[in-house]
Amino acid sequence: MSYMAKGFLSLAQSRKTAHEFSSKQVSKADLLRILEAGRWAPSFLNLQPWEFVIVKESQAKEALLKSAYYGIYTFGDFKGLPPVVVAIVLKKKYWEGQYGYPRRDKPGVFEAYLSIAMPASNMVLEATDLGIGSAILNVNAYVAERTLKLKDGDTAPLIVCFGYEKPGAKARKRSRKPMESLLHYGHYGGKE
């Protein structure tokens, strides 16, 4: 179902994390659309400090998911391996090691990590628009580097799982904080 007629807010509100994946495969055409959405994500100085590794082998997917940190959830909270995992590789040559101190031509660590969150967001929204489930997970860097055979200081702190949610999957409660609890005017704590 396309959300074009309903608008972006409707699409954003309908996105959710899939915890149970069916064995139905994501088509190559749909995966390429999802990756294209990621490719068009914004980034610091438009450096696009990412590359994508498409992982379909069960052993590699399982290693990545078992190393994932997802708040209080663990791999055991996910039922069935997703048909495809996209690892977002942060290329070391595009950023410097200092936290929050970008140079004119390179982001600092903070900006680099914010940049790689952008393609993940774009990809899950495109997947939602295509009716495909998704889950964004941060993974153990050492496991990701070894599993994906990364080199030269590159790392893959984020993976995005894609697949169709299993019919009858347990629905998790979704909620958001009230808008009025998030808004401040002029300064933190400022009222309208």
N, C-alpha and C. Protein backbone atom coordinates (compact mmCIF):
# COMPACT_ATOMS: atom_id res chain seq x y z
N MET A 1 0.85 -1.17 0.00
CA MET A 1 0.00 0.00 0.00
C MET A 1 0.89 1.23 0.00
N SER A 2 0.66 2.13 -0.93
CA SER A 2 1.44 3.35 -1.00
C SER A 2 0.81 4.43 -0.13
N TYR A 3 1.66 5.18 0.56
CA TYR A 3 1.18 6.23 1.45
C TYR A 3 1.22 7.60 0.79
N MET A 4 1.52 7.62 -0.52
CA MET A 4 1.67 8.89 -1.23
C MET A 4 0.45 9.79 -1.03
N ALA A 5 -0.74 9.24 -1.21
CA ALA A 5 -1.95 10.05 -1.10
C ALA A 5 -2.20 10.49 0.34
N LYS A 6 -1.78 9.67 1.31
CA LYS A 6 -2.02 9.99 2.72
C LYS A 6 -0.98 10.94 3.29
N GLY A 7 0.20 10.97 2.71
CA GLY A 7 1.25 11.86 3.18
C GLY A 7 2.29 11.17 4.04
N PHE A 8 3.38 11.89 4.25
CA PHE A 8 4.53 11.33 4.96
C PHE A 8 4.21 10.97 6.41
N LEU A 9 3.45 11.80 7.11
CA LEU A 9 3.17 11.54 8.52
C LEU A 9 2.47 10.19 8.68
N SER A 10 1.56 9.88 7.79
CA SER A 10 0.86 8.60 7.84
C SER A 10 1.85 7.44 7.66
N LEU A 11 2.79 7.59 6.75
CA LEU A 11 3.82 6.58 6.53
C LEU A 11 4.67 6.41 7.79
N ALA A 12 5.13 7.52 8.37
CA ALA A 12 5.97 7.48 9.56
C ALA A 12 5.23 6.82 10.73
N GLN A 13 3.95 7.12 10.87
CA GLN A 13 3.16 6.54 11.96
C GLN A 13 2.92 5.05 11.78
N SER A 14 2.96 4.56 10.56
CA SER A 14 2.68 3.15 10.31
C SER A 14 3.93 2.27 10.41
N ARG A 15 5.12 2.87 10.40
CA ARG A 15 6.35 2.09 10.50
C ARG A 15 6.45 1.47 11.89
N LYS A 16 6.83 0.21 11.93
CA LYS A 16 7.04 -0.47 13.21
C LYS A 16 8.16 -1.49 13.05
N THR A 17 8.70 -1.91 14.17
CA THR A 17 9.74 -2.92 14.14
C THR A 17 9.11 -4.31 14.06
N ALA A 18 9.53 -5.08 13.06
CA ALA A 18 9.06 -6.46 12.92
C ALA A 18 9.92 -7.35 13.82
N HIS A 19 9.28 -8.22 14.57
CA HIS A 19 10.00 -9.15 15.45
C HIS A 19 9.87 -10.60 15.00
N GLU A 20 8.92 -10.85 14.12
CA GLU A 20 8.72 -12.21 13.60
C GLU A 20 8.64 -12.14 12.08
N PHE A 21 9.59 -12.79 11.43
CA PHE A 21 9.65 -12.76 9.97
C PHE A 21 9.18 -14.10 9.38
N SER A 22 8.46 -14.02 8.28
CA SER A 22 8.09 -15.22 7.54
C SER A 22 9.24 -15.60 6.62
N SER A 23 9.11 -16.70 5.94
CA SER A 23 10.16 -17.13 5.01
C SER A 23 10.00 -16.50 3.63
N LYS A 24 8.94 -15.72 3.42
CA LYS A 24 8.72 -15.08 2.12
C LYS A 24 9.89 -14.14 1.80
N GLN A 25 10.43 -14.29 0.62
CA GLN A 25 11.61 -13.52 0.21
C GLN A 25 11.24 -12.12 -0.25
N VAL A 26 12.16 -11.20 -0.06
CA VAL A 26 12.02 -9.83 -0.58
C VAL A 26 12.54 -9.87 -2.01
N SER A 27 11.75 -9.36 -2.95
CA SER A 27 12.18 -9.41 -4.35
C SER A 27 13.40 -8.51 -4.57
N LYS A 28 14.16 -8.83 -5.59
CA LYS A 28 15.34 -8.02 -5.92
C LYS A 28 14.93 -6.59 -6.25
N ALA A 29 13.82 -6.42 -6.97
CA ALA A 29 13.35 -5.08 -7.34
C ALA A 29 13.00 -4.27 -6.09
N ASP A 30 12.32 -4.90 -5.12
CA ASP A 30 11.97 -4.18 -3.89
C ASP A 30 13.21 -3.86 -3.07
N LEU A 31 14.15 -4.80 -3.00
CA LEU A 31 15.38 -4.54 -2.27
C LEU A 31 16.15 -3.38 -2.90
N LEU A 32 16.20 -3.32 -4.20
CA LEU A 32 16.90 -2.22 -4.87
C LEU A 32 16.20 -0.88 -4.62
N ARG A 33 14.87 -0.87 -4.54
CA ARG A 33 14.15 0.37 -4.18
C ARG A 33 14.50 0.81 -2.77
N ILE A 34 14.56 -0.15 -1.86
CA ILE A 34 14.91 0.14 -0.47
C ILE A 34 16.32 0.71 -0.40
N LEU A 35 17.26 0.10 -1.10
CA LEU A 35 18.65 0.57 -1.11
C LEU A 35 18.77 1.94 -1.78
N GLU A 36 17.97 2.19 -2.81
CA GLU A 36 17.97 3.49 -3.48
C GLU A 36 17.50 4.58 -2.51
N ALA A 37 16.50 4.27 -1.69
CA ALA A 37 16.04 5.23 -0.67
C ALA A 37 17.18 5.53 0.30
N GLY A 38 17.93 4.50 0.68
CA GLY A 38 19.08 4.70 1.56
C GLY A 38 20.16 5.54 0.91
N ARG A 39 20.39 5.31 -0.36
CA ARG A 39 21.41 6.05 -1.11
C ARG A 39 21.12 7.55 -1.13
N TRP A 40 19.85 7.92 -1.12
CA TRP A 40 19.46 9.33 -1.19
C TRP A 40 19.33 10.00 0.17
N ALA A 41 19.79 9.36 1.21
CA ALA A 41 19.71 9.94 2.55
C ALA A 41 20.65 11.14 2.69
N PRO A 42 20.27 12.10 3.52
CA PRO A 42 21.17 13.23 3.78
C PRO A 42 22.35 12.80 4.65
N SER A 43 23.45 13.56 4.57
CA SER A 43 24.61 13.28 5.41
C SER A 43 25.41 14.57 5.62
N PHE A 44 26.27 14.55 6.61
CA PHE A 44 27.14 15.68 6.93
C PHE A 44 27.98 16.02 5.70
N LEU A 45 27.94 17.26 5.26
CA LEU A 45 28.67 17.75 4.09
C LEU A 45 28.41 16.92 2.83
N ASN A 46 27.31 16.19 2.82
CA ASN A 46 26.96 15.29 1.71
C ASN A 46 28.09 14.29 1.41
N LEU A 47 28.81 13.87 2.45
CA LEU A 47 29.92 12.93 2.26
C LEU A 47 29.44 11.51 1.98
N GLN A 48 28.22 11.19 2.43
CA GLN A 48 27.69 9.84 2.23
C GLN A 48 28.71 8.80 2.70
N PRO A 49 29.04 8.80 4.00
CA PRO A 49 30.13 7.96 4.49
C PRO A 49 29.77 6.48 4.66
N TRP A 50 28.87 5.99 3.87
CA TRP A 50 28.38 4.62 4.02
C TRP A 50 28.52 3.81 2.75
N GLU A 51 28.52 2.52 2.95
CA GLU A 51 28.34 1.53 1.89
C GLU A 51 27.44 0.48 2.50
N PHE A 52 26.78 -0.33 1.66
CA PHE A 52 25.82 -1.31 2.14
C PHE A 52 26.32 -2.72 1.80
N VAL A 53 26.25 -3.61 2.78
CA VAL A 53 26.55 -5.02 2.55
C VAL A 53 25.24 -5.78 2.69
N ILE A 54 24.85 -6.48 1.63
CA ILE A 54 23.62 -7.26 1.63
C ILE A 54 23.97 -8.66 2.10
N VAL A 55 23.33 -9.09 3.17
CA VAL A 55 23.63 -10.38 3.78
C VAL A 55 22.41 -11.28 3.66
N LYS A 56 22.59 -12.40 3.00
CA LYS A 56 21.50 -13.37 2.85
C LYS A 56 21.84 -14.75 3.42
N GLU A 57 23.12 -15.00 3.72
CA GLU A 57 23.55 -16.29 4.25
C GLU A 57 23.10 -16.40 5.71
N SER A 58 22.45 -17.52 6.03
CA SER A 58 21.88 -17.72 7.37
C SER A 58 22.90 -17.59 8.49
N GLN A 59 24.07 -18.19 8.32
CA GLN A 59 25.08 -18.16 9.38
C GLN A 59 25.55 -16.73 9.66
N ALA A 60 25.75 -15.94 8.63
CA ALA A 60 26.17 -14.55 8.82
C ALA A 60 25.05 -13.72 9.45
N LYS A 61 23.82 -13.91 8.99
CA LYS A 61 22.68 -13.18 9.57
C LYS A 61 22.54 -13.51 11.05
N GLU A 62 22.65 -14.78 11.38
CA GLU A 62 22.51 -15.19 12.78
C GLU A 62 23.62 -14.60 13.65
N ALA A 63 24.85 -14.59 13.16
CA ALA A 63 25.96 -14.00 13.92
C ALA A 63 25.71 -12.53 14.19
N LEU A 64 25.25 -11.80 13.18
CA LEU A 64 24.97 -10.37 13.36
C LEU A 64 23.83 -10.15 14.34
N LEU A 65 22.74 -10.88 14.18
CA LEU A 65 21.59 -10.69 15.06
C LEU A 65 21.89 -11.08 16.50
N LYS A 66 22.68 -12.12 16.68
CA LYS A 66 23.03 -12.52 18.06
C LYS A 66 23.88 -11.47 18.75
N SER A 67 24.58 -10.65 17.98
CA SER A 67 25.43 -9.61 18.59
C SER A 67 24.69 -8.29 18.76
N ALA A 68 23.43 -8.25 18.37
CA ALA A 68 22.67 -6.99 18.37
C ALA A 68 22.32 -6.53 19.78
N TYR A 69 22.32 -5.22 19.93
CA TYR A 69 21.85 -4.57 21.15
C TYR A 69 20.55 -3.88 20.78
N TYR A 70 19.50 -4.22 21.45
CA TYR A 70 18.22 -3.61 21.12
C TYR A 70 17.49 -3.32 22.40
N GLY A 71 18.04 -2.39 23.17
CA GLY A 71 17.42 -2.07 24.44
C GLY A 71 17.37 -3.32 25.31
N ILE A 72 16.20 -3.71 25.74
CA ILE A 72 16.05 -4.89 26.58
C ILE A 72 15.87 -6.15 25.76
N TYR A 73 15.76 -6.00 24.43
CA TYR A 73 15.53 -7.17 23.58
C TYR A 73 16.85 -7.83 23.20
N THR A 74 16.79 -9.11 22.95
CA THR A 74 17.94 -9.85 22.46
C THR A 74 17.50 -10.62 21.23
N PHE A 75 18.42 -11.34 20.62
CA PHE A 75 18.10 -12.14 19.45
C PHE A 75 16.92 -13.06 19.73
N GLY A 76 16.81 -13.56 20.97
CA GLY A 76 15.72 -14.46 21.33
C GLY A 76 14.35 -13.83 21.18
N ASP A 77 14.28 -12.51 21.17
CA ASP A 77 13.00 -11.82 21.00
C ASP A 77 12.57 -11.77 19.54
N PHE A 78 13.46 -12.12 18.62
CA PHE A 78 13.13 -12.14 17.20
C PHE A 78 12.89 -13.59 16.80
N LYS A 79 11.79 -13.82 16.09
CA LYS A 79 11.42 -15.17 15.69
C LYS A 79 11.67 -15.35 14.21
N GLY A 80 12.54 -16.24 13.86
CA GLY A 80 12.87 -16.50 12.46
C GLY A 80 13.84 -15.45 11.92
N LEU A 81 14.80 -15.91 11.17
CA LEU A 81 15.75 -14.97 10.57
C LEU A 81 15.07 -14.17 9.47
N PRO A 82 15.37 -12.90 9.36
CA PRO A 82 14.82 -12.13 8.24
C PRO A 82 15.44 -12.62 6.93
N PRO A 83 14.71 -12.55 5.83
CA PRO A 83 15.27 -13.00 4.55
C PRO A 83 16.52 -12.24 4.13
N VAL A 84 16.61 -10.97 4.50
CA VAL A 84 17.79 -10.19 4.10
C VAL A 84 18.14 -9.20 5.21
N VAL A 85 19.44 -9.03 5.40
CA VAL A 85 19.98 -8.04 6.33
C VAL A 85 20.88 -7.11 5.52
N VAL A 86 20.73 -5.82 5.75
CA VAL A 86 21.62 -4.85 5.12
C VAL A 86 22.47 -4.23 6.23
N ALA A 87 23.77 -4.44 6.13
CA ALA A 87 24.70 -3.82 7.08
C ALA A 87 25.11 -2.47 6.52
N ILE A 88 25.04 -1.45 7.36
CA ILE A 88 25.45 -0.11 6.93
C ILE A 88 26.88 0.09 7.42
N VAL A 89 27.78 0.12 6.47
CA VAL A 89 29.20 0.22 6.76
C VAL A 89 29.60 1.69 6.81
N LEU A 90 30.21 2.08 7.93
CA LEU A 90 30.73 3.43 8.10
C LEU A 90 32.19 3.40 7.66
N LYS A 91 32.48 4.11 6.57
CA LYS A 91 33.82 4.11 5.99
C LYS A 91 34.74 5.04 6.79
N LYS A 92 35.80 4.49 7.34
CA LYS A 92 36.74 5.23 8.19
C LYS A 92 37.37 6.43 7.47
N LYS A 93 37.58 6.31 6.17
CA LYS A 93 38.26 7.40 5.46
C LYS A 93 37.46 8.69 5.45
N TYR A 94 36.19 8.63 5.84
CA TYR A 94 35.34 9.82 5.80
C TYR A 94 35.21 10.55 7.13
N TRP A 95 35.78 10.03 8.21
CA TRP A 95 35.60 10.71 9.49
C TRP A 95 36.85 10.66 10.35
N GLU A 96 36.91 11.57 11.29
CA GLU A 96 38.02 11.68 12.22
C GLU A 96 37.62 11.10 13.56
N GLY A 97 38.59 10.76 14.38
CA GLY A 97 38.31 10.08 15.64
C GLY A 97 37.79 10.92 16.78
N GLN A 98 37.86 12.25 16.68
CA GLN A 98 37.42 13.05 17.81
C GLN A 98 35.91 13.19 17.85
N TYR A 99 35.37 13.10 19.06
CA TYR A 99 33.94 13.17 19.26
C TYR A 99 33.44 14.61 19.11
N GLY A 100 32.57 14.82 18.15
CA GLY A 100 31.90 16.10 18.02
C GLY A 100 32.74 17.26 17.54
N TYR A 101 33.89 16.98 16.92
CA TYR A 101 34.73 18.06 16.41
C TYR A 101 34.98 17.86 14.93
N PRO A 102 34.02 18.22 14.10
CA PRO A 102 34.22 18.03 12.66
C PRO A 102 35.28 18.97 12.11
N ARG A 103 35.94 18.52 11.07
CA ARG A 103 36.83 19.40 10.31
C ARG A 103 36.01 19.92 9.14
N ARG A 104 36.63 20.74 8.32
CA ARG A 104 35.90 21.28 7.17
C ARG A 104 35.52 20.19 6.17
N ASP A 105 36.33 19.14 6.09
CA ASP A 105 36.09 18.12 5.08
C ASP A 105 35.73 16.75 5.66
N LYS A 106 35.72 16.63 6.99
CA LYS A 106 35.41 15.34 7.61
C LYS A 106 34.60 15.55 8.87
N PRO A 107 33.58 14.69 9.04
CA PRO A 107 32.82 14.77 10.30
C PRO A 107 33.61 14.15 11.44
N GLY A 108 33.25 14.51 12.66
CA GLY A 108 33.75 13.81 13.83
C GLY A 108 32.93 12.54 14.00
N VAL A 109 33.24 11.78 15.05
CA VAL A 109 32.54 10.52 15.30
C VAL A 109 31.04 10.75 15.41
N PHE A 110 30.65 11.76 16.17
CA PHE A 110 29.23 12.05 16.39
C PHE A 110 28.50 12.28 15.07
N GLU A 111 29.05 13.13 14.23
CA GLU A 111 28.41 13.44 12.94
C GLU A 111 28.40 12.22 12.02
N ALA A 112 29.47 11.43 12.06
CA ALA A 112 29.54 10.23 11.21
C ALA A 112 28.45 9.24 11.60
N TYR A 113 28.28 9.01 12.90
CA TYR A 113 27.25 8.07 13.34
C TYR A 113 25.85 8.60 13.07
N LEU A 114 25.65 9.89 13.23
CA LEU A 114 24.35 10.46 12.86
C LEU A 114 24.09 10.28 11.37
N SER A 115 25.13 10.46 10.58
CA SER A 115 24.97 10.31 9.12
C SER A 115 24.52 8.92 8.73
N ILE A 116 25.07 7.88 9.36
CA ILE A 116 24.68 6.53 8.93
C ILE A 116 23.30 6.13 9.43
N ALA A 117 22.76 6.88 10.39
CA ALA A 117 21.37 6.61 10.81
C ALA A 117 20.39 7.04 9.73
N MET A 118 20.78 8.00 8.92
CA MET A 118 19.88 8.54 7.90
C MET A 118 19.50 7.51 6.83
N PRO A 119 20.44 6.77 6.23
CA PRO A 119 20.01 5.78 5.25
C PRO A 119 19.16 4.67 5.89
N ALA A 120 19.45 4.33 7.15
CA ALA A 120 18.62 3.33 7.83
C ALA A 120 17.18 3.80 7.92
N SER A 121 17.01 5.05 8.30
CA SER A 121 15.66 5.62 8.40
C SER A 121 14.96 5.63 7.04
N ASN A 122 15.66 6.12 6.03
CA ASN A 122 15.07 6.13 4.68
C ASN A 122 14.68 4.73 4.23
N MET A 123 15.55 3.75 4.49
CA MET A 123 15.28 2.39 4.02
C MET A 123 14.06 1.78 4.70
N VAL A 124 13.93 1.96 6.02
CA VAL A 124 12.78 1.36 6.70
C VAL A 124 11.47 2.02 6.28
N LEU A 125 11.53 3.31 5.98
CA LEU A 125 10.31 3.99 5.50
C LEU A 125 9.93 3.51 4.11
N GLU A 126 10.91 3.31 3.24
CA GLU A 126 10.61 2.77 1.91
C GLU A 126 10.07 1.35 2.03
N ALA A 127 10.66 0.54 2.90
CA ALA A 127 10.17 -0.82 3.12
C ALA A 127 8.72 -0.79 3.60
N THR A 128 8.41 0.09 4.53
CA THR A 128 7.04 0.21 5.02
C THR A 128 6.09 0.55 3.89
N ASP A 129 6.50 1.47 3.04
CA ASP A 129 5.67 1.86 1.90
C ASP A 129 5.43 0.67 0.96
N LEU A 130 6.39 -0.25 0.89
CA LEU A 130 6.26 -1.43 0.04
C LEU A 130 5.55 -2.59 0.75
N GLY A 131 5.20 -2.40 2.02
CA GLY A 131 4.55 -3.47 2.78
C GLY A 131 5.52 -4.50 3.33
N ILE A 132 6.79 -4.13 3.44
CA ILE A 132 7.84 -5.02 3.93
C ILE A 132 8.22 -4.61 5.34
N GLY A 133 8.34 -5.59 6.23
CA GLY A 133 8.71 -5.32 7.61
C GLY A 133 10.20 -5.04 7.74
N SER A 134 10.57 -4.41 8.85
CA SER A 134 11.97 -4.07 9.06
C SER A 134 12.29 -3.96 10.54
N ALA A 135 13.57 -3.99 10.84
CA ALA A 135 14.07 -3.78 12.20
C ALA A 135 15.47 -3.19 12.09
N ILE A 136 15.69 -2.06 12.76
CA ILE A 136 17.03 -1.45 12.82
C ILE A 136 17.68 -1.91 14.11
N LEU A 137 18.88 -2.45 14.00
CA LEU A 137 19.60 -2.95 15.17
C LEU A 137 21.04 -2.45 15.16
N ASN A 138 21.55 -2.11 16.35
CA ASN A 138 22.97 -1.83 16.41
C ASN A 138 23.66 -3.10 16.90
N VAL A 139 24.79 -3.38 16.31
CA VAL A 139 25.46 -4.66 16.54
C VAL A 139 26.86 -4.46 17.11
N ASN A 140 27.39 -5.51 17.67
CA ASN A 140 28.75 -5.51 18.18
C ASN A 140 29.72 -5.27 17.02
N ALA A 141 30.49 -4.22 17.11
CA ALA A 141 31.37 -3.82 16.01
C ALA A 141 32.37 -4.91 15.65
N TYR A 142 32.95 -5.56 16.65
CA TYR A 142 33.94 -6.60 16.36
C TYR A 142 33.31 -7.75 15.58
N VAL A 143 32.13 -8.19 16.01
CA VAL A 143 31.43 -9.28 15.32
C VAL A 143 31.09 -8.87 13.89
N ALA A 144 30.60 -7.65 13.73
CA ALA A 144 30.25 -7.16 12.39
C ALA A 144 31.48 -7.08 11.49
N GLU A 145 32.57 -6.54 12.01
CA GLU A 145 33.79 -6.41 11.21
C GLU A 145 34.31 -7.77 10.77
N ARG A 146 34.27 -8.74 11.67
CA ARG A 146 34.75 -10.09 11.36
C ARG A 146 33.79 -10.80 10.39
N THR A 147 32.50 -10.74 10.66
CA THR A 147 31.51 -11.43 9.85
C THR A 147 31.47 -10.88 8.43
N LEU A 148 31.58 -9.56 8.30
CA LEU A 148 31.49 -8.91 7.00
C LEU A 148 32.84 -8.73 6.31
N LYS A 149 33.92 -9.14 7.00
CA LYS A 149 35.29 -9.04 6.46
C LYS A 149 35.65 -7.59 6.11
N LEU A 150 35.34 -6.68 7.03
CA LEU A 150 35.66 -5.27 6.80
C LEU A 150 37.14 -5.02 7.02
N LYS A 151 37.65 -3.95 6.40
CA LYS A 151 39.07 -3.62 6.47
C LYS A 151 39.27 -2.13 6.70
N ASP A 152 40.50 -1.76 6.94
CA ASP A 152 40.95 -0.36 6.99
C ASP A 152 40.20 0.49 8.00
N GLY A 153 39.80 -0.10 9.13
CA GLY A 153 39.12 0.66 10.17
C GLY A 153 37.64 0.90 9.92
N ASP A 154 37.11 0.35 8.83
CA ASP A 154 35.67 0.47 8.57
C ASP A 154 34.91 -0.33 9.61
N THR A 155 33.69 0.09 9.90
CA THR A 155 32.87 -0.59 10.89
C THR A 155 31.42 -0.62 10.41
N ALA A 156 30.63 -1.48 11.02
CA ALA A 156 29.21 -1.58 10.65
C ALA A 156 28.38 -1.58 11.92
N PRO A 157 28.16 -0.41 12.50
CA PRO A 157 27.43 -0.35 13.76
C PRO A 157 25.93 -0.57 13.65
N LEU A 158 25.39 -0.49 12.44
CA LEU A 158 23.95 -0.68 12.24
C LEU A 158 23.67 -1.74 11.20
N ILE A 159 22.66 -2.55 11.48
CA ILE A 159 22.11 -3.43 10.46
C ILE A 159 20.62 -3.16 10.37
N VAL A 160 20.07 -3.41 9.20
CA VAL A 160 18.62 -3.28 9.02
C VAL A 160 18.12 -4.60 8.45
N CYS A 161 17.18 -5.20 9.15
CA CYS A 161 16.59 -6.47 8.73
C CYS A 161 15.35 -6.18 7.89
N PHE A 162 15.17 -6.94 6.82
CA PHE A 162 14.00 -6.76 5.96
C PHE A 162 13.35 -8.11 5.69
N GLY A 163 12.04 -8.11 5.69
CA GLY A 163 11.28 -9.31 5.37
C GLY A 163 9.81 -9.06 5.64
N TYR A 164 9.02 -10.03 5.30
CA TYR A 164 7.59 -9.91 5.54
C TYR A 164 7.28 -10.45 6.93
N GLU A 165 6.48 -9.69 7.65
CA GLU A 165 6.13 -10.12 8.99
C GLU A 165 5.30 -11.40 8.92
N LYS A 166 5.57 -12.30 9.82
CA LYS A 166 4.88 -13.58 9.88
C LYS A 166 3.39 -13.33 10.19
N PRO A 167 2.49 -13.99 9.46
CA PRO A 167 1.06 -13.84 9.77
C PRO A 167 0.79 -14.25 11.22
N GLY A 168 0.00 -13.45 11.90
CA GLY A 168 -0.32 -13.72 13.30
C GLY A 168 0.79 -13.36 14.27
N ALA A 169 1.79 -12.60 13.82
CA ALA A 169 2.90 -12.20 14.69
C ALA A 169 2.35 -11.39 15.86
N LYS A 170 2.95 -11.59 16.99
CA LYS A 170 2.54 -10.86 18.19
C LYS A 170 2.74 -9.36 17.96
N ALA A 171 1.69 -8.61 18.17
CA ALA A 171 1.79 -7.16 17.99
C ALA A 171 2.28 -6.53 19.29
N ARG A 172 3.32 -5.76 19.18
CA ARG A 172 3.84 -5.05 20.36
C ARG A 172 3.14 -3.70 20.47
N LYS A 173 2.93 -3.28 21.70
CA LYS A 173 2.27 -2.00 21.93
C LYS A 173 3.15 -0.87 21.42
N ARG A 174 2.56 0.01 20.64
CA ARG A 174 3.29 1.16 20.12
C ARG A 174 2.69 2.42 20.72
N SER A 175 3.52 3.27 21.22
CA SER A 175 3.04 4.53 21.77
C SER A 175 4.12 5.59 21.63
N ARG A 176 3.74 6.80 21.80
CA ARG A 176 4.68 7.91 21.78
C ARG A 176 4.35 8.84 22.95
N LYS A 177 5.37 9.53 23.43
CA LYS A 177 5.15 10.51 24.49
C LYS A 177 4.21 11.60 23.97
N PRO A 178 3.42 12.19 24.85
CA PRO A 178 2.54 13.28 24.41
C PRO A 178 3.37 14.46 23.85
N MET A 179 2.88 15.08 22.80
CA MET A 179 3.59 16.18 22.15
C MET A 179 3.94 17.28 23.15
N GLU A 180 3.00 17.62 24.03
CA GLU A 180 3.26 18.73 24.96
C GLU A 180 4.41 18.44 25.91
N SER A 181 4.75 17.16 26.13
CA SER A 181 5.87 16.83 27.00
C SER A 181 7.21 16.96 26.28
N LEU A 182 7.20 17.15 24.97
CA LEU A 182 8.42 17.23 24.18
C LEU A 182 8.80 18.65 23.78
N LEU A 183 7.85 19.57 23.87
CA LEU A 183 8.06 20.91 23.33
C LEU A 183 8.52 21.90 24.38
N HIS A 184 9.48 22.73 23.99
CA HIS A 184 10.00 23.83 24.82
C HIS A 184 10.11 25.03 23.90
N TYR A 185 9.91 26.20 24.43
CA TYR A 185 9.91 27.42 23.58
C TYR A 185 10.98 28.38 24.07
N GLY A 186 11.89 28.73 23.14
CA GLY A 186 12.92 29.70 23.44
C GLY A 186 14.10 29.16 24.21
N HIS A 187 13.86 28.28 25.17
CA HIS A 187 14.90 27.63 25.96
C HIS A 187 14.28 26.38 26.59
N TYR A 188 15.15 25.51 27.08
CA TYR A 188 14.65 24.29 27.69
C TYR A 188 13.77 24.65 28.88
N GLY A 189 12.57 24.10 28.90
CA GLY A 189 11.62 24.41 29.97
C GLY A 189 10.74 25.61 29.67
N GLY A 190 11.02 26.32 28.55
CA GLY A 190 10.24 27.50 28.19
C GLY A 190 8.84 27.12 27.73
N LYS A 191 7.88 27.93 28.13
CA LYS A 191 6.48 27.70 27.78
C LYS A 191 6.05 28.64 26.67
N GLU A 192 5.03 28.24 25.95
CA GLU A 192 4.50 29.07 24.86
C GLU A 192 3.70 30.23 25.44
